[in-house]
Amino acid sequence: MAIKRVFAEHTADKDLVARCVVKPYKGEGSTPKRAKRYTVLPNAALKKEWEKKTDPGDIPEPPCGDWGDMPDSVQYYEAQDGAARIMIVRAGQDEPMFDEKTVRLLPLTSP
């Protein structure tokens, strides 16, 4: 899957890459038609380790690094029907300065 490949290419810790899995994104709101959203989450063993290290009063570090799920902001990968690429949407913590529900990937065309 392209998302796992992109995640692996941007994550130096290969043990972390092996312990994180691509799952459907379950954020707030609806996903646009013809699009699928995903996130990278820790596997069960890594999640238990991460939860033991995490202080409930603090904003935790993301368990799968900067290219995985963000505990304190909106971040996900999106694949759209007919598009030759995927995108990572980093909308942040506050109201984004763009409407992430209307972003469209265009198909690649020959020059």
Protein backbone atom coordinates (compact mmCIF):
# COMPACT_ATOMS: atom_id res chain seq x y z
CA MET A 1 0.00 0.00 0.00
CA ALA A 2 1.29 3.44 -0.95
CA ILE A 3 0.58 4.95 2.47
CA LYS A 4 2.78 2.44 4.30
CA ARG A 5 5.55 3.06 1.74
CA VAL A 6 5.37 6.85 2.19
CA PHE A 7 5.32 6.43 5.98
CA ALA A 8 8.36 4.12 5.82
CA GLU A 9 10.28 6.47 3.51
CA HIS A 10 9.87 9.36 5.98
CA THR A 11 10.46 7.44 9.22
CA ALA A 12 14.09 6.75 10.09
CA ASP A 13 13.31 4.26 12.88
CA LYS A 14 12.63 1.04 10.95
CA ASP A 15 11.56 -0.78 14.14
CA LEU A 16 8.85 1.86 14.53
CA VAL A 17 7.81 1.36 10.90
CA ALA A 18 7.41 -2.38 11.55
CA ARG A 19 5.30 -1.75 14.66
CA CYS A 20 2.87 0.74 13.10
CA VAL A 21 -0.08 -0.19 10.90
CA VAL A 22 -2.25 1.65 8.36
CA LYS A 23 -5.90 1.84 9.46
CA PRO A 24 -8.96 3.73 8.21
CA TYR A 25 -9.08 7.26 9.66
CA LYS A 26 -12.01 7.77 12.01
CA GLY A 27 -11.92 11.53 12.45
CA GLU A 28 -14.87 13.82 12.92
CA GLY A 29 -17.15 14.61 10.04
CA SER A 30 -17.73 12.78 6.82
CA THR A 31 -15.25 11.76 4.16
CA PRO A 32 -15.94 13.16 0.69
CA LYS A 33 -17.35 10.78 -1.90
CA ARG A 34 -14.68 9.05 -3.98
CA ALA A 35 -12.09 9.46 -1.21
CA LYS A 36 -10.67 7.17 1.45
CA ARG A 37 -8.81 8.40 4.52
CA TYR A 38 -6.22 6.51 6.52
CA THR A 39 -3.93 7.00 9.47
CA VAL A 40 -0.91 5.17 10.85
CA LEU A 41 -1.46 3.75 14.34
CA PRO A 42 0.68 1.67 16.71
CA ASN A 43 0.11 -2.08 16.78
CA ALA A 44 -1.28 -3.53 20.02
CA ALA A 45 2.12 -4.11 21.67
CA LEU A 46 3.44 -0.64 20.83
CA LYS A 47 0.17 0.96 21.95
CA LYS A 48 0.50 -0.68 25.41
CA GLU A 49 4.11 0.50 25.73
CA TRP A 50 3.17 4.01 24.62
CA GLU A 51 0.23 4.20 27.05
CA LYS A 52 2.49 3.16 29.97
CA LYS A 53 4.96 5.95 29.14
CA THR A 54 2.31 8.61 28.58
CA ASP A 55 1.29 10.94 31.40
CA PRO A 56 -2.49 11.47 31.15
CA GLY A 57 -2.11 15.21 31.86
CA ASP A 58 0.40 15.84 29.05
CA ILE A 59 0.04 16.04 25.31
CA PRO A 60 1.82 12.86 24.26
CA GLU A 61 4.37 12.41 21.52
CA PRO A 62 2.84 10.67 18.49
CA PRO A 63 3.36 6.92 18.93
CA CYS A 64 4.31 6.38 15.28
CA GLY A 65 6.32 9.58 14.83
CA ASP A 66 5.63 12.68 12.79
CA TRP A 67 4.14 10.80 9.83
CA GLY A 68 1.70 8.77 11.95
CA ASP A 69 -1.43 9.63 13.89
CA MET A 70 -1.22 12.85 15.90
CA PRO A 71 -2.86 12.72 19.34
CA ASP A 72 -3.34 16.50 19.51
CA SER A 73 -4.21 17.51 15.94
CA VAL A 74 -5.87 16.44 12.71
CA GLN A 75 -3.60 14.53 10.35
CA TYR A 76 -4.46 11.79 7.87
CA TYR A 77 -3.63 10.38 4.46
CA GLU A 78 -6.18 10.60 1.69
CA ALA A 79 -6.52 8.57 -1.50
CA GLN A 80 -9.03 9.71 -4.10
CA ASP A 81 -10.56 7.71 -6.93
CA GLY A 82 -8.84 8.37 -10.25
CA ALA A 83 -5.85 10.18 -8.73
CA ALA A 84 -2.34 8.87 -9.30
CA ARG A 85 -1.08 10.16 -5.94
CA ILE A 86 -2.04 10.27 -2.29
CA MET A 87 -1.84 13.28 0.00
CA ILE A 88 -1.20 13.81 3.66
CA VAL A 89 -3.50 16.38 5.22
CA ARG A 90 -2.11 18.15 8.28
CA ALA A 91 -4.99 20.37 9.30
CA GLY A 92 -3.54 21.06 12.76
CA GLN A 93 -5.24 21.69 16.09
CA ASP A 94 -7.37 24.70 15.30
CA GLU A 95 -9.84 25.44 12.55
CA PRO A 96 -7.79 24.93 9.36
CA MET A 97 -7.21 27.83 7.00
CA PHE A 98 -8.57 25.67 4.18
CA ASP A 99 -11.50 23.32 3.73
CA GLU A 100 -9.89 19.89 3.86
CA LYS A 101 -13.17 18.33 2.70
CA THR A 102 -12.93 19.97 -0.73
CA VAL A 103 -9.25 19.39 -1.58
CA ARG A 104 -8.99 17.44 -4.83
CA LEU A 105 -6.10 15.52 -6.33
CA LEU A 106 -5.94 15.79 -10.09
CA PRO A 107 -5.01 12.86 -12.29
CA LEU A 108 -1.52 12.98 -13.79
CA THR A 109 -1.53 13.96 -17.44
CA SER A 110 1.10 13.47 -20.11
CA PRO A 111 3.09 16.63 -21.04
